[in-house]
Protein backbone atom coordinates (compact mmCIF):
# COMPACT_ATOMS: atom_id res chain seq x y z
CA MET A 1 54.26 -114.53 59.88
CA ARG A 2 51.63 -112.43 58.17
CA TRP A 3 50.52 -110.98 61.25
CA ARG A 4 54.26 -110.08 62.44
CA VAL A 5 54.51 -108.06 59.05
CA TRP A 6 51.12 -106.48 59.60
CA ALA A 7 51.56 -105.43 62.86
CA ARG A 8 55.31 -104.03 62.08
CA GLY A 9 53.84 -102.14 59.06
CA THR A 10 51.10 -100.67 61.66
CA VAL A 11 53.82 -99.55 64.23
CA LEU A 12 55.69 -97.95 61.59
CA GLY A 13 52.76 -96.27 60.33
CA LEU A 14 51.76 -94.85 63.69
CA ILE A 15 55.18 -93.50 64.35
CA GLY A 16 55.38 -91.72 61.28
CA ALA A 17 51.98 -90.20 61.99
CA LEU A 18 53.15 -88.92 65.33
CA LEU A 19 56.46 -87.63 63.73
CA ALA A 20 54.28 -85.74 61.07
CA ALA A 21 51.89 -84.26 63.87
CA ALA A 22 54.97 -83.13 65.82
CA LEU A 23 56.74 -81.19 62.77
CA ALA A 24 53.18 -79.65 62.10
CA ALA A 25 53.15 -78.24 65.76
CA VAL A 26 56.48 -76.42 65.29
CA PRO A 27 55.80 -72.87 64.37
CA LEU A 28 57.43 -71.69 61.13
CA ARG A 29 58.98 -68.50 60.57
CA ALA A 30 58.34 -68.59 57.09
CA GLU A 31 55.26 -66.63 55.80
CA GLU A 32 52.48 -68.79 55.79
CA PRO A 33 49.47 -68.35 53.54
CA SER A 34 46.21 -66.47 54.70
CA ALA A 35 43.22 -68.56 55.71
CA PRO A 36 40.69 -68.39 52.94
CA PRO A 37 37.69 -66.07 53.53
CA PRO A 38 34.57 -67.47 55.24
CA ALA A 39 31.81 -68.66 52.68
CA PRO A 40 28.73 -66.31 52.17
CA PRO A 41 25.63 -67.46 53.98
CA PRO A 42 23.03 -69.26 51.91
CA SER A 43 20.62 -67.05 50.13
CA GLY A 44 17.69 -65.85 52.30
CA VAL A 45 19.64 -66.70 55.47
CA PRO A 46 20.52 -63.59 57.58
CA PRO A 47 24.11 -63.31 58.64
CA SER A 48 24.92 -64.57 62.07
CA GLY A 49 27.10 -62.60 64.90
CA ALA A 50 27.49 -59.05 64.86
CA GLU A 51 26.00 -58.80 61.36
CA SER A 52 22.61 -59.78 62.77
CA ALA A 53 22.32 -56.65 64.27
CA SER A 54 21.46 -55.23 60.80
CA ALA A 55 18.26 -57.01 60.59
CA LYS A 56 15.18 -55.07 60.40
CA GLU A 57 13.54 -54.47 63.76
CA VAL A 58 9.61 -54.39 64.48
CA ARG A 59 9.03 -53.30 68.10
CA ILE A 60 5.82 -54.19 69.86
CA VAL A 61 4.17 -52.75 73.00
CA TYR A 62 2.34 -54.83 75.27
CA LEU A 63 0.12 -52.69 77.48
CA ALA A 64 -2.12 -54.07 79.99
CA LEU A 65 -4.22 -52.96 83.16
CA LYS A 66 -3.33 -55.29 85.91
CA PRO A 67 -6.73 -57.27 86.40
CA PRO A 68 -8.03 -57.40 90.10
CA GLN A 69 -7.21 -60.50 92.20
CA ASN A 70 -10.79 -61.44 93.11
CA LEU A 71 -11.19 -64.25 95.63
CA PRO A 72 -11.74 -67.33 93.64
CA ALA A 73 -15.27 -69.29 94.03
CA SER A 74 -13.43 -72.42 94.71
CA LEU A 75 -9.82 -73.31 95.88
CA LEU A 76 -9.31 -75.46 92.71
CA ILE A 77 -9.09 -72.06 90.68
CA ARG A 78 -6.02 -70.08 90.77
CA PRO A 79 -5.90 -67.32 88.32
CA PRO A 80 -2.31 -67.02 86.94
CA THR A 81 -0.25 -64.01 87.54
CA ASP A 82 0.95 -63.61 84.12
CA GLU A 83 -2.28 -64.02 81.94
CA GLY A 84 -1.82 -62.42 78.86
CA ILE A 85 1.70 -61.56 78.79
CA ALA A 86 2.72 -65.32 78.76
CA GLY A 87 0.81 -65.45 75.47
CA ALA A 88 2.45 -62.18 73.95
CA ARG A 89 5.82 -64.11 74.79
CA VAL A 90 4.96 -67.18 73.01
CA GLY A 91 3.70 -65.11 69.92
CA LEU A 92 7.04 -62.97 69.77
CA ALA A 93 9.18 -66.32 69.67
CA ASP A 94 6.76 -67.51 66.76
CA ASP A 95 7.25 -64.12 65.01
CA ASN A 96 11.03 -64.47 65.60
CA THR A 97 11.06 -67.90 64.45
CA THR A 98 9.90 -67.20 60.90
CA GLY A 99 11.39 -63.67 60.70
CA ARG A 100 14.93 -64.61 61.55
CA PHE A 101 15.07 -66.11 57.95
CA LEU A 102 13.82 -62.90 56.35
CA GLY A 103 16.22 -60.47 58.09
CA LEU A 104 13.35 -59.37 60.50
CA SER A 105 13.99 -59.54 64.40
CA PHE A 106 10.74 -58.78 66.68
CA THR A 107 10.86 -57.24 70.15
CA LEU A 108 8.17 -56.95 72.95
CA ASP A 109 8.14 -53.93 75.56
CA ALA A 110 5.56 -55.28 78.09
CA VAL A 111 3.88 -52.79 80.53
CA GLU A 112 1.45 -53.86 82.98
CA ALA A 113 0.28 -50.76 85.24
CA PRO A 114 -1.92 -51.10 88.27
CA ASP A 115 -4.27 -48.16 87.50
CA GLU A 116 -5.66 -46.41 84.38
CA ALA A 117 -3.77 -43.59 85.24
CA GLY A 118 -0.45 -45.70 85.03
CA VAL A 119 -1.81 -47.00 81.69
CA MET A 120 -2.45 -43.89 80.25
CA ALA A 121 1.04 -42.26 81.26
CA ALA A 122 2.79 -45.39 79.71
CA PHE A 123 0.81 -45.15 76.65
CA ARG A 124 1.91 -41.45 76.29
CA ASN A 125 5.54 -42.10 77.10
CA ARG A 126 5.87 -44.95 74.46
CA LEU A 127 4.37 -42.77 71.86
CA ALA A 128 6.83 -39.88 72.64
CA ARG A 129 9.50 -42.36 72.00
CA GLY A 130 7.95 -43.30 68.63
CA GLU A 131 6.27 -46.27 69.35
CA ARG A 132 3.26 -47.15 67.02
CA ASN A 133 2.54 -50.86 67.60
CA PHE A 134 0.55 -51.70 70.63
CA VAL A 135 -1.08 -54.88 71.73
CA VAL A 136 -3.79 -53.62 74.50
CA ALA A 137 -5.42 -55.31 77.18
CA VAL A 138 -7.65 -52.79 78.98
CA PRO A 139 -11.36 -52.15 79.35
CA ALA A 140 -13.61 -50.60 76.81
CA PRO A 141 -13.64 -47.15 78.28
CA LEU A 142 -9.93 -46.94 78.63
CA LEU A 143 -9.20 -48.19 74.94
CA LEU A 144 -11.37 -45.55 73.71
CA ALA A 145 -9.48 -42.84 75.65
CA LEU A 146 -6.05 -44.45 74.27
CA ALA A 147 -7.28 -44.45 70.72
CA ASP A 148 -8.48 -41.05 70.76
CA LEU A 149 -5.29 -39.17 71.84
CA ALA A 150 -4.24 -36.75 69.19
CA GLU A 151 -0.82 -38.33 69.39
CA ALA A 152 -2.07 -41.80 68.79
CA LYS A 153 -3.96 -40.82 65.45
CA ASP A 154 -0.94 -42.67 63.61
CA ALA A 155 -0.83 -45.91 66.08
CA ILE A 156 -2.38 -49.00 65.61
CA LEU A 157 -3.71 -50.82 68.73
CA ILE A 158 -4.91 -54.20 68.56
CA ASP A 159 -7.36 -55.43 71.14
CA ALA A 160 -6.33 -58.49 73.01
CA LEU A 161 -9.12 -58.44 75.40
CA ASP A 162 -12.25 -56.85 75.02
CA ARG A 163 -15.53 -58.40 73.88
CA ASP A 164 -17.70 -55.35 74.12
CA ASP A 165 -20.05 -55.15 71.12
CA MET A 166 -20.18 -51.22 71.41
CA LEU A 167 -16.46 -51.23 70.30
CA ARG A 168 -17.50 -52.81 67.23
CA GLU A 169 -20.37 -50.78 66.48
CA THR A 170 -20.91 -47.04 67.61
CA GLY A 171 -17.55 -47.04 69.40
CA CYS A 172 -15.51 -48.07 66.57
CA ARG A 173 -12.02 -46.67 65.87
CA ALA A 174 -9.97 -46.60 62.65
CA ASN A 175 -6.83 -47.00 64.44
CA VAL A 176 -7.98 -50.14 66.65
CA LEU A 177 -8.36 -53.94 65.30
CA HIS A 178 -10.03 -56.64 67.79
CA VAL A 179 -8.71 -60.10 67.94
CA MET A 180 -11.00 -61.69 70.40
CA PRO A 181 -14.61 -62.39 69.59
CA SER A 182 -17.50 -60.05 70.54
CA ARG A 183 -19.90 -61.08 72.99
CA LEU A 184 -22.54 -61.18 69.98
CA MET A 185 -20.29 -63.46 68.01
CA LEU A 186 -20.31 -65.80 70.97
CA THR A 187 -23.97 -65.87 71.92
CA ASP A 188 -24.62 -66.26 68.05
CA ALA A 189 -22.14 -69.36 68.06
CA LEU A 190 -24.25 -70.88 70.91
CA MET A 191 -27.63 -70.07 69.47
CA GLN A 192 -26.34 -71.62 66.09
CA TYR A 193 -25.63 -74.82 68.13
CA LEU A 194 -29.08 -74.87 69.90
CA VAL A 195 -30.96 -74.38 66.35
CA VAL A 196 -29.30 -77.49 65.30
CA LYS A 197 -29.91 -79.58 68.27
CA ASP A 198 -33.65 -78.11 67.86
CA TRP A 199 -33.36 -76.67 71.61
CA ARG A 200 -35.42 -73.39 70.75
CA ARG A 201 -36.84 -72.70 74.10
CA ILE A 202 -34.34 -71.12 76.56
CA MET A 203 -34.51 -69.44 79.90
CA LEU A 204 -32.18 -66.71 80.38
CA LEU A 205 -30.88 -66.22 83.99
CA TYR A 206 -28.43 -63.01 84.44
CA GLY A 207 -26.20 -61.38 87.26
CA LYS A 208 -26.15 -58.02 88.76
CA THR A 209 -22.98 -56.78 87.30
CA GLU A 210 -22.71 -54.38 84.07
CA ALA A 211 -20.70 -57.29 82.37
CA ASP A 212 -23.82 -59.81 82.95
CA HIS A 213 -26.19 -57.36 81.59
CA LEU A 214 -24.20 -56.95 78.28
CA TYR A 215 -23.96 -60.58 77.91
CA ALA A 216 -27.51 -60.94 78.39
CA GLU A 217 -28.39 -58.34 75.95
CA ALA A 218 -26.30 -60.12 73.19
CA VAL A 219 -28.37 -63.68 74.27
CA ARG A 220 -31.33 -61.76 73.45
CA ARG A 221 -30.07 -60.26 70.32
CA SER A 222 -28.80 -63.65 69.15
CA ALA A 223 -32.12 -65.35 70.14
CA LYS A 224 -34.16 -63.14 68.00
CA LYS A 225 -31.58 -63.34 65.18
CA PHE A 226 -31.86 -67.31 65.10
CA GLN A 227 -35.60 -67.42 66.17
CA ILE A 228 -34.90 -69.00 69.74
CA ARG A 229 -37.57 -68.43 72.23
CA ILE A 230 -36.76 -66.72 75.53
CA ILE A 231 -39.48 -68.50 77.87
CA ALA A 232 -38.25 -66.71 80.94
CA ASP A 233 -36.04 -63.82 81.63
CA LYS A 234 -34.80 -63.50 85.41
CA PRO A 235 -32.32 -61.80 87.36
CA TRP A 236 -30.29 -63.74 89.87
CA THR A 237 -30.66 -62.06 93.31
CA PHE A 238 -29.10 -64.75 95.67
CA ASN A 239 -26.03 -63.48 97.83
CA PRO A 240 -22.88 -65.42 96.45
CA ALA A 241 -21.61 -64.93 100.06
CA GLU A 242 -24.26 -67.16 101.37
CA GLN A 243 -23.24 -70.15 99.59
CA ARG A 244 -19.72 -69.94 101.46
CA ALA A 245 -21.55 -71.00 104.80
CA ASP A 246 -21.88 -74.21 106.53
CA THR A 247 -25.14 -74.89 104.63
CA GLY A 248 -24.32 -72.75 101.69
CA HIS A 249 -25.09 -76.07 99.22
CA PHE A 250 -28.78 -76.18 100.86
CA GLU A 251 -29.38 -72.49 100.07
CA VAL A 252 -28.21 -72.70 96.71
CA ASN A 253 -30.06 -75.80 95.95
CA THR A 254 -33.49 -74.18 97.26
CA GLU A 255 -32.72 -70.85 95.45
CA VAL A 256 -32.20 -72.64 91.92
CA ALA A 257 -34.92 -74.89 92.21
CA ASN A 258 -37.22 -71.89 92.92
CA VAL A 259 -36.08 -69.73 90.28
CA THR A 260 -36.46 -72.28 87.84
CA GLN A 261 -39.73 -73.82 88.92
CA GLY A 262 -42.85 -73.77 86.84
CA ILE A 263 -41.04 -73.05 83.53
CA SER A 264 -40.49 -75.31 80.79
CA TYR A 265 -37.64 -74.58 78.54
CA ASP A 266 -35.09 -76.74 76.89
CA VAL A 267 -31.72 -74.94 77.86
CA LEU A 268 -30.85 -72.65 80.77
CA VAL A 269 -28.61 -69.70 79.55
CA VAL A 270 -26.70 -68.08 82.08
CA ALA A 271 -24.90 -64.52 81.91
CA ASP A 272 -22.54 -64.60 84.78
CA GLU A 273 -19.04 -63.14 83.56
CA GLU A 274 -17.46 -62.68 86.95
CA ASP A 275 -18.33 -66.50 87.91
CA GLU A 276 -20.46 -65.81 90.76
CA PHE A 277 -23.10 -68.01 90.51
CA GLY A 278 -23.22 -69.92 86.96
CA ASP A 279 -21.37 -72.86 88.24
CA GLN A 280 -23.89 -73.48 90.84
CA LEU A 281 -26.74 -74.12 88.70
CA SER A 282 -26.14 -77.49 87.13
CA TYR A 283 -27.89 -80.52 88.69
CA ARG A 284 -29.89 -77.97 90.87
CA THR A 285 -32.67 -76.71 88.52
CA THR A 286 -36.35 -78.10 88.81
CA LEU A 287 -36.28 -79.93 85.48
CA PRO A 288 -33.19 -81.80 84.26
CA ARG A 289 -32.04 -79.26 81.85
CA PRO A 290 -28.29 -78.55 80.50
CA VAL A 291 -26.74 -74.99 81.36
CA ALA A 292 -24.80 -73.08 78.80
CA GLY A 293 -23.69 -69.76 78.36
CA THR A 294 -20.89 -68.24 80.62
CA GLN A 295 -20.64 -71.51 82.33
CA GLY A 296 -21.75 -74.79 81.21
CA LEU A 297 -21.45 -75.40 77.61
CA VAL A 298 -19.43 -72.06 76.95
CA PRO A 299 -18.81 -70.27 73.65
CA ALA A 300 -14.92 -69.33 73.53
CA ALA A 301 -11.86 -68.35 71.38
CA TRP A 302 -9.61 -70.68 72.94
CA SER A 303 -9.88 -73.70 75.75
CA PRO A 304 -7.27 -75.88 77.24
CA VAL A 305 -9.28 -78.75 76.23
CA TYR A 306 -8.95 -77.78 72.36
CA ASP A 307 -6.71 -79.99 70.56
CA GLU A 308 -8.06 -80.17 66.82
CA LEU A 309 -6.74 -78.88 63.87
CA ALA A 310 -3.10 -78.85 65.03
CA ALA A 311 -3.82 -76.88 68.26
CA THR A 312 -1.97 -79.33 70.53
CA GLN A 313 1.27 -77.84 68.75
CA LEU A 314 0.46 -74.17 70.10
CA GLN A 315 -0.82 -75.64 73.52
CA ASN A 316 2.51 -77.50 74.05
CA ARG A 317 4.50 -74.64 73.20
CA PHE A 318 2.61 -72.57 75.24
CA ILE A 319 2.95 -75.05 78.32
CA ARG A 320 6.92 -75.42 77.85
CA SER A 321 6.95 -71.78 77.90
CA ALA A 322 4.62 -70.79 80.77
CA HIS A 323 4.42 -74.14 82.70
CA ARG A 324 0.47 -73.92 82.62
CA PRO A 325 -2.45 -74.22 80.24
CA MET A 326 -3.31 -71.27 77.77
CA THR A 327 -6.19 -69.25 78.65
CA GLU A 328 -8.48 -67.18 76.53
CA ARG A 329 -6.49 -64.23 77.25
CA ASP A 330 -3.35 -65.60 76.67
CA TYR A 331 -4.63 -66.68 73.36
CA GLY A 332 -5.87 -63.19 72.43
CA ALA A 333 -2.28 -61.55 73.33
CA TRP A 334 -0.84 -64.28 71.02
CA MET A 335 -3.11 -63.66 68.21
CA ALA A 336 -2.24 -59.82 68.38
CA VAL A 337 1.46 -60.17 68.52
CA ARG A 338 1.33 -62.73 65.75
CA ALA A 339 -0.96 -60.30 63.61
CA PHE A 340 2.06 -57.76 63.73
CA GLY A 341 4.35 -60.45 62.80
CA GLU A 342 2.45 -61.86 59.93
CA ALA A 343 2.13 -58.36 58.69
CA ALA A 344 5.72 -57.34 58.81
CA ILE A 345 6.74 -60.98 57.32
CA ARG A 346 4.24 -60.58 54.44
CA THR A 347 5.20 -56.87 53.78
CA GLN A 348 8.90 -57.16 54.36
CA SER A 349 8.48 -53.84 56.13
CA THR A 350 8.72 -52.30 59.71
CA ASP A 351 6.78 -49.35 58.74
CA PRO A 352 3.55 -49.06 61.38
CA ALA A 353 1.57 -47.44 58.58
CA THR A 354 2.40 -50.10 56.13
CA LEU A 355 1.55 -52.90 58.57
CA ALA A 356 -1.77 -51.28 59.68
CA ALA A 357 -2.77 -50.68 55.69
CA TYR A 358 -1.78 -54.62 55.45
CA MET A 359 -3.66 -56.02 58.35
CA TRP A 360 -6.77 -53.86 57.24
CA SER A 361 -6.66 -55.26 53.74
CA PRO A 362 -7.97 -58.71 52.37
CA LYS A 363 -4.66 -59.80 51.75
CA PHE A 364 -4.07 -60.51 55.37
CA GLU A 365 -4.51 -63.86 56.86
CA LEU A 366 -3.57 -65.08 60.30
CA ALA A 367 -3.09 -69.21 60.77
CA ALA A 368 -4.49 -69.27 64.51
CA PHE A 369 -5.17 -72.99 64.59
CA LYS A 370 -8.81 -72.67 63.74
CA GLY A 371 -8.95 -74.75 60.38
CA GLN A 372 -9.12 -71.90 58.21
CA PRO A 373 -7.34 -68.36 57.83
CA LEU A 374 -8.63 -65.46 59.77
CA SER A 375 -8.89 -61.88 58.52
CA PHE A 376 -10.11 -58.64 59.96
CA ARG A 377 -13.77 -57.30 58.68
CA PRO A 378 -12.87 -54.12 57.05
CA TRP A 379 -16.02 -52.34 58.39
CA ASP A 380 -15.23 -52.59 62.24
CA GLY A 381 -11.79 -54.19 62.57
CA GLN A 382 -13.26 -57.44 64.05
CA LEU A 383 -11.08 -60.74 63.57
CA ARG A 384 -13.36 -63.13 61.78
CA GLN A 385 -13.10 -66.55 63.28
CA PRO A 386 -14.75 -69.85 64.37
CA ILE A 387 -15.97 -70.05 67.92
CA LEU A 388 -15.65 -73.25 70.04
CA LEU A 389 -18.24 -74.66 72.19
CA VAL A 390 -16.83 -76.48 75.18
CA ASP A 391 -17.45 -77.62 78.65
CA ASP A 392 -14.63 -77.98 81.33
CA HIS A 393 -13.34 -81.43 79.95
CA SER A 394 -14.24 -81.30 75.97
CA LEU A 395 -14.60 -79.67 72.75
CA VAL A 396 -18.49 -80.20 71.99
CA SER A 397 -18.59 -78.29 68.70
CA ILE A 398 -17.46 -75.37 66.49
CA SER A 399 -19.53 -72.70 65.16
CA PRO A 400 -20.45 -71.79 62.59
CA GLN A 401 -22.80 -74.88 62.32
CA PRO A 402 -23.17 -76.57 59.19
CA GLY A 403 -26.05 -75.24 57.23
CA PHE A 404 -25.38 -71.49 58.38
CA LEU A 405 -24.06 -70.14 55.10
CA HIS A 406 -22.76 -66.58 53.85
CA GLU A 407 -22.07 -65.12 50.49
CA PHE A 408 -18.52 -64.25 51.29
CA PHE A 409 -17.22 -65.85 54.65
CA VAL A 410 -19.22 -68.18 56.65
CA THR A 411 -17.80 -66.80 59.74
CA ASP A 412 -19.67 -63.58 59.01
CA THR A 413 -22.71 -65.49 60.12
CA LEU A 414 -21.36 -65.00 63.93
CA GLY A 415 -21.54 -61.21 65.06
CA LEU A 416 -22.82 -57.98 63.25
CA ASP A 417 -22.45 -58.63 59.23
CA ARG A 418 -21.54 -55.43 56.92
CA PRO A 419 -25.06 -54.35 56.37
CA GLU A 420 -26.50 -54.57 59.86
CA SER A 421 -23.31 -52.75 61.21
CA PRO A 422 -23.67 -49.04 62.18
CA CYS A 423 -19.67 -48.87 61.76
CA HIS A 424 -18.30 -48.55 58.27
CA LEU A 425 -14.56 -47.84 58.52
CA HIS A 426 -13.08 -48.98 55.57
């Protein structure tokens, strides 16, 4: 009986609800009250839709010289076709993630020219259009040519590629900043580690390219600075084409054994920036000794094997975006774009002169997954940063090494400090 009463009441209730819904659906001719106005957005959050166009815009130009497609030393090595620009895109996404909450938006104009004339033309074109925020990935001579243009005097160029020490010394410019470590910073980082391990006698083997000679000179300067003795200093003269012959590995074994024979050293330091022979040295030396430098134990700004200090977050974001691991060139472009973003977010400004002044100032700090905030040295525009020491599969150490101290920044033990530098911009 109770179930029947409950069921009857339920049916009547359903009928009443259906009738009410039907009546509500009939259009009324009488004047209806207007809808209430939308609630204002929460404080600090920019409006959506058409109103978001009022967000202040920071325009960044990524300008690069397309790198030559050299034949890789191994079929396992496949250079990415979007190296550099892929890092800039992730940096742009990171800038916009924070900037949208502050009414800032960031755009990226990516230009990759096949030759130097194309780079220069694109640079002049963007300057004429009023662009002043540039991330550049070009060789050192071309970088200086861009920076020295009269119309580029009030532009800021963040160098995302070059390691040339000359750019931080006699070739420094007031409108250029550098996010990648110099060769001297890299070799200082390696020599500090050798001191900690008490491996104080090295053999230096360098290639024939200009870049190899510059890296070898940085090794010599760092060895002198940290009292590392260079037991032997030799060029590598073996023809790299011969190692691709059917008996190439025999030829390489013999050549490496001969060049290292009769020399007592702790570490073989190699200068081979073009990867022509450095990977062929391990396990072939007369004495069983480790290889370091451009191959073997490598000082680097970034590596796919680096996963400490929350670096996995950036590694994963990059892989989701580019579908491959992040390289040093990608990391340099990411840091450069993030530097513009950090300056704009902190100053709440889109004015290029304001952004440049802030990046040069001691207030600027960049979080780049290195365990400490990074800042630009005021005397040469170099970004202070720890240096990774890695091999192909693991992180070995991070320099500066424990025990190497500095009055202001311990990272200033890497590269030229202010008293030693011939460049004094600020």
